[in-house]
Amino acid sequence: MTGRRVVVSRRPAALGRARGPSEPEDGVPDVPAIVGRQLRQALLTVGAVAGLLVGAPVIALWVPAPGAWVALSLAVQGAWVGLAVLQLRRAERLER
């Protein structure tokens, strides 16, 4: 076994965890940048919720009477759950 020895000067980064722009070399996260991204994400979600609240009566006007209740009870509730799951996933991703 003839090989060269290599001197390692620092510990290698953990697999699957690359440092992004929000985490400098010293390991301290850039808190104002993270808070700003979370605020933008929250405002996008609030806009989507406002659109859903405005859109629900519009759906009720366009759809005939029996179908309106089905649309309001199934479609709107499904959209609520979808928005909640999307917000949760994005918020968790921003905190990593």
PDB file of N, CA and C in Angstrom:
ATOM      1  N   MET A   1       0.838  -1.163   0.000  1.00  0.00           N
ATOM      2  CA  MET A   1       0.000   0.000   0.000  1.00  0.00           C
ATOM      3  C   MET A   1       0.889   1.234   0.000  1.00  0.00           C
ATOM      4  N   THR A   2       1.044   1.796  -1.146  1.00  0.00           N
ATOM      5  CA  THR A   2       1.879   2.991  -1.253  1.00  0.00           C
ATOM      6  C   THR A   2       0.987   4.169  -1.598  1.00  0.00           C
ATOM      7  N   GLY A   3       0.865   5.073  -0.716  1.00  0.00           N
ATOM      8  CA  GLY A   3       0.030   6.250  -0.951  1.00  0.00           C
ATOM      9  C   GLY A   3       0.580   7.441  -0.201  1.00  0.00           C
ATOM     10  N   ARG A   4       0.070   8.553  -0.565  1.00  0.00           N
ATOM     11  CA  ARG A   4       0.503   9.777   0.103  1.00  0.00           C
ATOM     12  C   ARG A   4      -0.419  10.078   1.273  1.00  0.00           C
ATOM     13  N   ARG A   5       0.135  10.698   2.254  1.00  0.00           N
ATOM     14  CA  ARG A   5      -0.661  11.154   3.377  1.00  0.00           C
ATOM     15  C   ARG A   5      -1.116  12.582   3.083  1.00  0.00           C
ATOM     16  N   VAL A   6      -2.353  12.831   3.409  1.00  0.00           N
ATOM     17  CA  VAL A   6      -2.903  14.171   3.213  1.00  0.00           C
ATOM     18  C   VAL A   6      -3.287  14.715   4.579  1.00  0.00           C
ATOM     19  N   VAL A   7      -2.832  15.907   4.859  1.00  0.00           N
ATOM     20  CA  VAL A   7      -3.138  16.543   6.124  1.00  0.00           C
ATOM     21  C   VAL A   7      -4.450  17.315   5.969  1.00  0.00           C
ATOM     22  N   VAL A   8      -5.404  17.002   6.835  1.00  0.00           N
ATOM     23  CA  VAL A   8      -6.692  17.685   6.797  1.00  0.00           C
ATOM     24  C   VAL A   8      -6.630  18.836   7.790  1.00  0.00           C
ATOM     25  N   SER A   9      -6.882  20.060   7.279  1.00  0.00           N
ATOM     26  CA  SER A   9      -6.747  21.229   8.148  1.00  0.00           C
ATOM     27  C   SER A   9      -8.033  21.581   8.888  1.00  0.00           C
ATOM     28  N   ARG A  10      -9.189  21.137   8.368  1.00  0.00           N
ATOM     29  CA  ARG A  10     -10.436  21.401   9.093  1.00  0.00           C
ATOM     30  C   ARG A  10     -11.400  20.260   8.870  1.00  0.00           C
ATOM     31  N   ARG A  11     -12.390  20.188   9.711  1.00  0.00           N
ATOM     32  CA  ARG A  11     -13.381  19.120   9.644  1.00  0.00           C
ATOM     33  C   ARG A  11     -14.286  19.316   8.426  1.00  0.00           C
ATOM     34  N   PRO A  12     -14.576  18.266   7.691  1.00  0.00           N
ATOM     35  CA  PRO A  12     -15.433  18.413   6.515  1.00  0.00           C
ATOM     36  C   PRO A  12     -16.878  18.705   6.927  1.00  0.00           C
ATOM     37  N   ALA A  13     -17.610  19.362   6.027  1.00  0.00           N
ATOM     38  CA  ALA A  13     -19.017  19.691   6.298  1.00  0.00           C
ATOM     39  C   ALA A  13     -19.835  18.409   6.343  1.00  0.00           C
ATOM     40  N   ALA A  14     -20.896  18.433   7.124  1.00  0.00           N
ATOM     41  CA  ALA A  14     -21.774  17.268   7.241  1.00  0.00           C
ATOM     42  C   ALA A  14     -22.467  17.006   5.908  1.00  0.00           C
ATOM     43  N   LEU A  15     -22.695  15.733   5.617  1.00  0.00           N
ATOM     44  CA  LEU A  15     -23.355  15.388   4.370  1.00  0.00           C
ATOM     45  C   LEU A  15     -24.791  15.859   4.376  1.00  0.00           C
ATOM     46  N   GLY A  16     -25.245  16.373   3.246  1.00  0.00           N
ATOM     47  CA  GLY A  16     -26.623  16.790   3.110  1.00  0.00           C
ATOM     48  C   GLY A  16     -26.947  18.119   3.760  1.00  0.00           C
ATOM     49  N   ARG A  17     -25.952  18.796   4.241  1.00  0.00           N
ATOM     50  CA  ARG A  17     -26.209  20.068   4.907  1.00  0.00           C
ATOM     51  C   ARG A  17     -25.192  21.107   4.451  1.00  0.00           C
ATOM     52  N   ALA A  18     -25.428  21.641   3.279  1.00  0.00           N
ATOM     53  CA  ALA A  18     -24.527  22.660   2.756  1.00  0.00           C
ATOM     54  C   ALA A  18     -24.881  24.007   3.367  1.00  0.00           C
ATOM     55  N   ARG A  19     -23.892  24.818   3.544  1.00  0.00           N
ATOM     56  CA  ARG A  19     -24.150  26.140   4.108  1.00  0.00           C
ATOM     57  C   ARG A  19     -24.678  27.053   3.017  1.00  0.00           C
ATOM     58  N   GLY A  20     -25.753  27.719   3.320  1.00  0.00           N
ATOM     59  CA  GLY A  20     -26.362  28.632   2.368  1.00  0.00           C
ATOM     60  C   GLY A  20     -25.951  30.061   2.661  1.00  0.00           C
ATOM     61  N   PRO A  21     -26.558  31.011   1.975  1.00  0.00           N
ATOM     62  CA  PRO A  21     -26.200  32.401   2.190  1.00  0.00           C
ATOM     63  C   PRO A  21     -26.633  32.928   3.551  1.00  0.00           C
ATOM     64  N   SER A  22     -27.573  32.241   4.223  1.00  0.00           N
ATOM     65  CA  SER A  22     -28.036  32.737   5.514  1.00  0.00           C
ATOM     66  C   SER A  22     -27.188  32.231   6.679  1.00  0.00           C
ATOM     67  N   GLU A  23     -26.225  31.366   6.421  1.00  0.00           N
ATOM     68  CA  GLU A  23     -25.391  30.830   7.499  1.00  0.00           C
ATOM     69  C   GLU A  23     -23.924  31.092   7.172  1.00  0.00           C
ATOM     70  N   PRO A  24     -23.325  32.088   7.803  1.00  0.00           N
ATOM     71  CA  PRO A  24     -21.917  32.386   7.524  1.00  0.00           C
ATOM     72  C   PRO A  24     -20.992  31.308   8.078  1.00  0.00           C
ATOM     73  N   GLU A  25     -19.727  31.492   7.878  1.00  0.00           N
ATOM     74  CA  GLU A  25     -18.718  30.492   8.248  1.00  0.00           C
ATOM     75  C   GLU A  25     -18.690  30.197   9.744  1.00  0.00           C
ATOM     76  N   ASP A  26     -19.026  31.168  10.580  1.00  0.00           N
ATOM     77  CA  ASP A  26     -18.928  30.920  12.018  1.00  0.00           C
ATOM     78  C   ASP A  26     -20.118  30.140  12.566  1.00  0.00           C
ATOM     79  N   GLY A  27     -21.107  29.813  11.724  1.00  0.00           N
ATOM     80  CA  GLY A  27     -22.213  28.987  12.150  1.00  0.00           C
ATOM     81  C   GLY A  27     -23.391  29.744  12.736  1.00  0.00           C
ATOM     82  N   VAL A  28     -23.313  31.071  12.827  1.00  0.00           N
ATOM     83  CA  VAL A  28     -24.395  31.879  13.376  1.00  0.00           C
ATOM     84  C   VAL A  28     -25.317  32.293  12.226  1.00  0.00           C
ATOM     85  N   PRO A  29     -26.604  31.991  12.308  1.00  0.00           N
ATOM     86  CA  PRO A  29     -27.521  32.351  11.217  1.00  0.00           C
ATOM     87  C   PRO A  29     -27.733  33.858  11.142  1.00  0.00           C
ATOM     88  N   ASP A  30     -28.040  34.340   9.957  1.00  0.00           N
ATOM     89  CA  ASP A  30     -28.331  35.750   9.724  1.00  0.00           C
ATOM     90  C   ASP A  30     -29.807  35.975  10.044  1.00  0.00           C
ATOM     91  N   VAL A  31     -30.102  36.346  11.273  1.00  0.00           N
ATOM     92  CA  VAL A  31     -31.477  36.427  11.770  1.00  0.00           C
ATOM     93  C   VAL A  31     -32.322  37.436  10.998  1.00  0.00           C
ATOM     94  N   PRO A  32     -31.865  38.654  10.724  1.00  0.00           N
ATOM     95  CA  PRO A  32     -32.710  39.581   9.972  1.00  0.00           C
ATOM     96  C   PRO A  32     -33.093  39.056   8.580  1.00  0.00           C
ATOM     97  N   ALA A  33     -32.208  38.346   7.932  1.00  0.00           N
ATOM     98  CA  ALA A  33     -32.528  37.788   6.613  1.00  0.00           C
ATOM     99  C   ALA A  33     -33.590  36.698   6.729  1.00  0.00           C
ATOM    100  N   ILE A  34     -33.479  35.869   7.749  1.00  0.00           N
ATOM    101  CA  ILE A  34     -34.465  34.799   7.954  1.00  0.00           C
ATOM    102  C   ILE A  34     -35.828  35.395   8.283  1.00  0.00           C
ATOM    103  N   VAL A  35     -35.854  36.404   9.148  1.00  0.00           N
ATOM    104  CA  VAL A  35     -37.115  37.050   9.521  1.00  0.00           C
ATOM    105  C   VAL A  35     -37.747  37.721   8.306  1.00  0.00           C
ATOM    106  N   GLY A  36     -36.948  38.341   7.461  1.00  0.00           N
ATOM    107  CA  GLY A  36     -37.471  38.973   6.256  1.00  0.00           C
ATOM    108  C   GLY A  36     -38.101  37.968   5.309  1.00  0.00           C
ATOM    109  N   ARG A  37     -37.443  36.824   5.125  1.00  0.00           N
ATOM    110  CA  ARG A  37     -38.008  35.777   4.263  1.00  0.00           C
ATOM    111  C   ARG A  37     -39.290  35.205   4.854  1.00  0.00           C
ATOM    112  N   GLN A  38     -39.314  35.031   6.179  1.00  0.00           N
ATOM    113  CA  GLN A  38     -40.534  34.530   6.823  1.00  0.00           C
ATOM    114  C   GLN A  38     -41.678  35.535   6.696  1.00  0.00           C
ATOM    115  N   LEU A  39     -41.370  36.823   6.797  1.00  0.00           N
ATOM    116  CA  LEU A  39     -42.396  37.847   6.655  1.00  0.00           C
ATOM    117  C   LEU A  39     -42.972  37.857   5.239  1.00  0.00           C
ATOM    118  N   ARG A  40     -42.105  37.750   4.236  1.00  0.00           N
ATOM    119  CA  ARG A  40     -42.588  37.687   2.849  1.00  0.00           C
ATOM    120  C   ARG A  40     -43.472  36.473   2.640  1.00  0.00           C
ATOM    121  N   GLN A  41     -43.064  35.351   3.195  1.00  0.00           N
ATOM    122  CA  GLN A  41     -43.867  34.127   3.066  1.00  0.00           C
ATOM    123  C   GLN A  41     -45.212  34.281   3.754  1.00  0.00           C
ATOM    124  N   ALA A  42     -45.223  34.890   4.927  1.00  0.00           N
ATOM    125  CA  ALA A  42     -46.476  35.092   5.650  1.00  0.00           C
ATOM    126  C   ALA A  42     -47.402  36.037   4.889  1.00  0.00           C
ATOM    127  N   LEU A  43     -46.860  37.087   4.275  1.00  0.00           N
ATOM    128  CA  LEU A  43     -47.685  38.012   3.500  1.00  0.00           C
ATOM    129  C   LEU A  43     -48.264  37.337   2.264  1.00  0.00           C
ATOM    130  N   LEU A  44     -47.504  36.454   1.634  1.00  0.00           N
ATOM    131  CA  LEU A  44     -48.043  35.697   0.503  1.00  0.00           C
ATOM    132  C   LEU A  44     -49.204  34.804   0.947  1.00  0.00           C
ATOM    133  N   THR A  45     -49.059  34.179   2.090  1.00  0.00           N
ATOM    134  CA  THR A  45     -50.126  33.321   2.597  1.00  0.00           C
ATOM    135  C   THR A  45     -51.360  34.147   2.966  1.00  0.00           C
ATOM    136  N   VAL A  46     -51.153  35.307   3.573  1.00  0.00           N
ATOM    137  CA  VAL A  46     -52.281  36.181   3.917  1.00  0.00           C
ATOM    138  C   VAL A  46     -52.998  36.630   2.643  1.00  0.00           C
ATOM    139  N   GLY A  47     -52.240  36.930   1.588  1.00  0.00           N
ATOM    140  CA  GLY A  47     -52.859  37.290   0.312  1.00  0.00           C
ATOM    141  C   GLY A  47     -53.678  36.152  -0.267  1.00  0.00           C
ATOM    142  N   ALA A  48     -53.170  34.936  -0.156  1.00  0.00           N
ATOM    143  CA  ALA A  48     -53.911  33.775  -0.663  1.00  0.00           C
ATOM    144  C   ALA A  48     -55.187  33.551   0.154  1.00  0.00           C
ATOM    145  N   VAL A  49     -55.109  33.742   1.460  1.00  0.00           N
ATOM    146  CA  VAL A  49     -56.292  33.588   2.309  1.00  0.00           C
ATOM    147  C   VAL A  49     -57.321  34.673   1.977  1.00  0.00           C
ATOM    148  N   ALA A  50     -56.866  35.902   1.757  1.00  0.00           N
ATOM    149  CA  ALA A  50     -57.783  36.983   1.391  1.00  0.00           C
ATOM    150  C   ALA A  50     -58.446  36.683   0.048  1.00  0.00           C
ATOM    151  N   GLY A  51     -57.671  36.153  -0.894  1.00  0.00           N
ATOM    152  CA  GLY A  51     -58.259  35.773  -2.174  1.00  0.00           C
ATOM    153  C   GLY A  51     -59.295  34.675  -2.027  1.00  0.00           C
ATOM    154  N   LEU A  52     -59.034  33.758  -1.132  1.00  0.00           N
ATOM    155  CA  LEU A  52     -59.995  32.678  -0.884  1.00  0.00           C
ATOM    156  C   LEU A  52     -61.269  33.220  -0.225  1.00  0.00           C
ATOM    157  N   LEU A  53     -61.114  34.150   0.706  1.00  0.00           N
ATOM    158  CA  LEU A  53     -62.282  34.737   1.361  1.00  0.00           C
ATOM    159  C   LEU A  53     -63.123  35.569   0.399  1.00  0.00           C
ATOM    160  N   VAL A  54     -62.474  36.258  -0.522  1.00  0.00           N
ATOM    161  CA  VAL A  54     -63.206  37.041  -1.520  1.00  0.00           C
ATOM    162  C   VAL A  54     -63.785  36.115  -2.584  1.00  0.00           C
ATOM    163  N   GLY A  55     -63.069  35.071  -2.905  1.00  0.00           N
ATOM    164  CA  GLY A  55     -63.513  34.160  -3.954  1.00  0.00           C
ATOM    165  C   GLY A  55     -64.654  33.250  -3.559  1.00  0.00           C
ATOM    166  N   ALA A  56     -64.827  32.976  -2.282  1.00  0.00           N
ATOM    167  CA  ALA A  56     -65.895  32.072  -1.845  1.00  0.00           C
ATOM    168  C   ALA A  56     -67.286  32.605  -2.194  1.00  0.00           C
ATOM    169  N   PRO A  57     -67.593  33.872  -1.942  1.00  0.00           N
ATOM    170  CA  PRO A  57     -68.913  34.371  -2.358  1.00  0.00           C
ATOM    171  C   PRO A  57     -69.079  34.418  -3.882  1.00  0.00           C
ATOM    172  N   VAL A  58     -67.989  34.642  -4.587  1.00  0.00           N
ATOM    173  CA  VAL A  58     -68.059  34.655  -6.054  1.00  0.00           C
ATOM    174  C   VAL A  58     -68.395  33.256  -6.565  1.00  0.00           C
ATOM    175  N   ILE A  59     -67.798  32.240  -5.960  1.00  0.00           N
ATOM    176  CA  ILE A  59     -68.124  30.860  -6.325  1.00  0.00           C
ATOM    177  C   ILE A  59     -69.599  30.583  -6.045  1.00  0.00           C
ATOM    178  N   ALA A  60     -70.098  31.094  -4.924  1.00  0.00           N
ATOM    179  CA  ALA A  60     -71.502  30.877  -4.564  1.00  0.00           C
ATOM    180  C   ALA A  60     -72.443  31.539  -5.565  1.00  0.00           C
ATOM    181  N   LEU A  61     -72.030  32.658  -6.151  1.00  0.00           N
ATOM    182  CA  LEU A  61     -72.870  33.332  -7.145  1.00  0.00           C
ATOM    183  C   LEU A  61     -72.855  32.613  -8.494  1.00  0.00           C
ATOM    184  N   TRP A  62     -71.736  32.052  -8.884  1.00  0.00           N
ATOM    185  CA  TRP A  62     -71.604  31.421 -10.202  1.00  0.00           C
ATOM    186  C   TRP A  62     -72.202  30.021 -10.256  1.00  0.00           C
ATOM    187  N   VAL A  63     -72.133  29.299  -9.170  1.00  0.00           N
ATOM    188  CA  VAL A  63     -72.577  27.904  -9.147  1.00  0.00           C
ATOM    189  C   VAL A  63     -74.061  27.872  -8.757  1.00  0.00           C
ATOM    190  N   PRO A  64     -74.865  27.024  -9.406  1.00  0.00           N
ATOM    191  CA  PRO A  64     -76.280  26.929  -9.023  1.00  0.00           C
ATOM    192  C   PRO A  64     -76.453  26.523  -7.550  1.00  0.00           C
ATOM    193  N   ALA A  65     -77.638  26.751  -7.025  1.00  0.00           N
ATOM    194  CA  ALA A  65     -77.930  26.636  -5.592  1.00  0.00           C
ATOM    195  C   ALA A  65     -77.447  25.345  -4.926  1.00  0.00           C
ATOM    196  N   PRO A  66     -77.823  24.145  -5.373  1.00  0.00           N
ATOM    197  CA  PRO A  66     -77.349  22.966  -4.627  1.00  0.00           C
ATOM    198  C   PRO A  66     -75.843  22.756  -4.744  1.00  0.00           C
ATOM    199  N   GLY A  67     -75.294  23.075  -5.892  1.00  0.00           N
ATOM    200  CA  GLY A  67     -73.855  22.881  -6.093  1.00  0.00           C
ATOM    201  C   GLY A  67     -73.015  23.888  -5.338  1.00  0.00           C
ATOM    202  N   ALA A  68     -73.603  25.038  -5.017  1.00  0.00           N
ATOM    203  CA  ALA A  68     -72.849  26.066  -4.291  1.00  0.00           C
ATOM    204  C   ALA A  68     -72.447  25.575  -2.915  1.00  0.00           C
ATOM    205  N   TRP A  69     -73.347  24.863  -2.241  1.00  0.00           N
ATOM    206  CA  TRP A  69     -73.025  24.357  -0.915  1.00  0.00           C
ATOM    207  C   TRP A  69     -71.932  23.303  -0.971  1.00  0.00           C
ATOM    208  N   VAL A  70     -71.971  22.484  -1.989  1.00  0.00           N
ATOM    209  CA  VAL A  70     -70.917  21.474  -2.148  1.00  0.00           C
ATOM    210  C   VAL A  70     -69.584  22.154  -2.435  1.00  0.00           C
ATOM    211  N   ALA A  71     -69.622  23.147  -3.332  1.00  0.00           N
ATOM    212  CA  ALA A  71     -68.391  23.865  -3.674  1.00  0.00           C
ATOM    213  C   ALA A  71     -67.828  24.593  -2.458  1.00  0.00           C
ATOM    214  N   LEU A  72     -68.705  25.232  -1.690  1.00  0.00           N
ATOM    215  CA  LEU A  72     -68.225  25.971  -0.524  1.00  0.00           C
ATOM    216  C   LEU A  72     -67.738  25.047   0.585  1.00  0.00           C
ATOM    217  N   SER A  73     -68.384  23.905   0.742  1.00  0.00           N
ATOM    218  CA  SER A  73     -67.982  23.024   1.841  1.00  0.00           C
ATOM    219  C   SER A  73     -66.777  22.162   1.497  1.00  0.00           C
ATOM    220  N   LEU A  74     -66.648  21.715   0.270  1.00  0.00           N
ATOM    221  CA  LEU A  74     -65.535  20.834  -0.092  1.00  0.00           C
ATOM    222  C   LEU A  74     -64.336  21.592  -0.665  1.00  0.00           C
ATOM    223  N   ALA A  75     -64.592  22.399  -1.665  1.00  0.00           N
ATOM    224  CA  ALA A  75     -63.484  23.072  -2.353  1.00  0.00           C
ATOM    225  C   ALA A  75     -62.797  24.096  -1.454  1.00  0.00           C
ATOM    226  N   VAL A  76     -63.584  24.890  -0.774  1.00  0.00           N
ATOM    227  CA  VAL A  76     -62.981  25.933   0.059  1.00  0.00           C
ATOM    228  C   VAL A  76     -62.257  25.313   1.249  1.00  0.00           C
ATOM    229  N   GLN A  77     -62.855  24.315   1.867  1.00  0.00           N
ATOM    230  CA  GLN A  77     -62.186  23.671   2.999  1.00  0.00           C
ATOM    231  C   GLN A  77     -60.915  22.956   2.552  1.00  0.00           C
ATOM    232  N   GLY A  78     -60.963  22.348   1.390  1.00  0.00           N
ATOM    233  CA  GLY A  78     -59.753  21.724   0.849  1.00  0.00           C
ATOM    234  C   GLY A  78     -58.661  22.746   0.582  1.00  0.00           C
ATOM    235  N   ALA A  79     -59.060  23.916   0.098  1.00  0.00           N
ATOM    236  CA  ALA A  79     -58.085  24.987  -0.138  1.00  0.00           C
ATOM    237  C   ALA A  79     -57.486  25.482   1.176  1.00  0.00           C
ATOM    238  N   TRP A  80     -58.302  25.564   2.240  1.00  0.00           N
ATOM    239  CA  TRP A  80     -57.791  25.961   3.555  1.00  0.00           C
ATOM    240  C   TRP A  80     -56.708  24.991   4.029  1.00  0.00           C
ATOM    241  N   VAL A  81     -57.010  23.717   3.917  1.00  0.00           N
ATOM    242  CA  VAL A  81     -56.052  22.696   4.367  1.00  0.00           C
ATOM    243  C   VAL A  81     -54.788  22.756   3.511  1.00  0.00           C
ATOM    244  N   GLY A  82     -54.958  22.922   2.212  1.00  0.00           N
ATOM    245  CA  GLY A  82     -53.801  23.027   1.323  1.00  0.00           C
ATOM    246  C   GLY A  82     -52.929  24.221   1.649  1.00  0.00           C
ATOM    247  N   LEU A  83     -53.544  25.373   1.897  1.00  0.00           N
ATOM    248  CA  LEU A  83     -52.775  26.560   2.273  1.00  0.00           C
ATOM    249  C   LEU A  83     -52.044  26.360   3.605  1.00  0.00           C
ATOM    250  N   ALA A  84     -52.696  25.718   4.551  1.00  0.00           N
ATOM    251  CA  ALA A  84     -52.059  25.483   5.855  1.00  0.00           C
ATOM    252  C   ALA A  84     -50.843  24.577   5.719  1.00  0.00           C
ATOM    253  N   VAL A  85     -50.981  23.510   4.947  1.00  0.00           N
ATOM    254  CA  VAL A  85     -49.860  22.581   4.759  1.00  0.00           C
ATOM    255  C   VAL A  85     -48.719  23.266   4.016  1.00  0.00           C
ATOM    256  N   LEU A  86     -49.059  24.038   2.982  1.00  0.00           N
ATOM    257  CA  LEU A  86     -48.038  24.753   2.213  1.00  0.00           C
ATOM    258  C   LEU A  86     -47.304  25.765   3.079  1.00  0.00           C
ATOM    259  N   GLN A  87     -48.031  26.501   3.898  1.00  0.00           N
ATOM    260  CA  GLN A  87     -47.405  27.476   4.790  1.00  0.00           C
ATOM    261  C   GLN A  87     -46.485  26.782   5.794  1.00  0.00           C
ATOM    262  N   LEU A  88     -46.923  25.676   6.346  1.00  0.00           N
ATOM    263  CA  LEU A  88     -46.106  24.951   7.314  1.00  0.00           C
ATOM    264  C   LEU A  88     -44.811  24.451   6.683  1.00  0.00           C
ATOM    265  N   ARG A  89     -44.901  23.863   5.516  1.00  0.00           N
ATOM    266  CA  ARG A  89     -43.697  23.339   4.854  1.00  0.00           C
ATOM    267  C   ARG A  89     -42.723  24.450   4.500  1.00  0.00           C
ATOM    268  N   ARG A  90     -43.239  25.552   3.978  1.00  0.00           N
ATOM    269  CA  ARG A  90     -42.352  26.658   3.610  1.00  0.00           C
ATOM    270  C   ARG A  90     -41.727  27.300   4.836  1.00  0.00           C
ATOM    271  N   ALA A  91     -42.477  27.453   5.923  1.00  0.00           N
ATOM    272  CA  ALA A  91     -41.927  28.026   7.139  1.00  0.00           C
ATOM    273  C   ALA A  91     -40.827  27.143   7.720  1.00  0.00           C
ATOM    274  N   GLU A  92     -41.039  25.835   7.703  1.00  0.00           N
ATOM    275  CA  GLU A  92     -40.009  24.916   8.205  1.00  0.00           C
ATOM    276  C   GLU A  92     -38.769  24.952   7.331  1.00  0.00           C
ATOM    277  N   ARG A  93     -38.967  25.057   6.016  1.00  0.00           N
ATOM    278  CA  ARG A  93     -37.821  25.105   5.100  1.00  0.00           C
ATOM    279  C   ARG A  93     -37.025  26.391   5.315  1.00  0.00           C
ATOM    280  N   LEU A  94     -37.697  27.496   5.586  1.00  0.00           N
ATOM    281  CA  LEU A  94     -36.990  28.754   5.808  1.00  0.00           C
ATOM    282  C   LEU A  94     -36.178  28.748   7.103  1.00  0.00           C
ATOM    283  N   GLU A  95     -36.598  27.962   8.069  1.00  0.00           N
ATOM    284  CA  GLU A  95     -35.873  27.923   9.345  1.00  0.00           C
ATOM    285  C   GLU A  95     -34.657  27.011   9.319  1.00  0.00           C
ATOM    286  N   ARG A  96     -34.512  26.222   8.295  1.00  0.00           N
ATOM    287  CA  ARG A  96     -33.333  25.340   8.207  1.00  0.00           C
ATOM    288  C   ARG A  96     -32.103  26.082   7.815  1.00  0.00           C
TER     289      ARG A  96
END
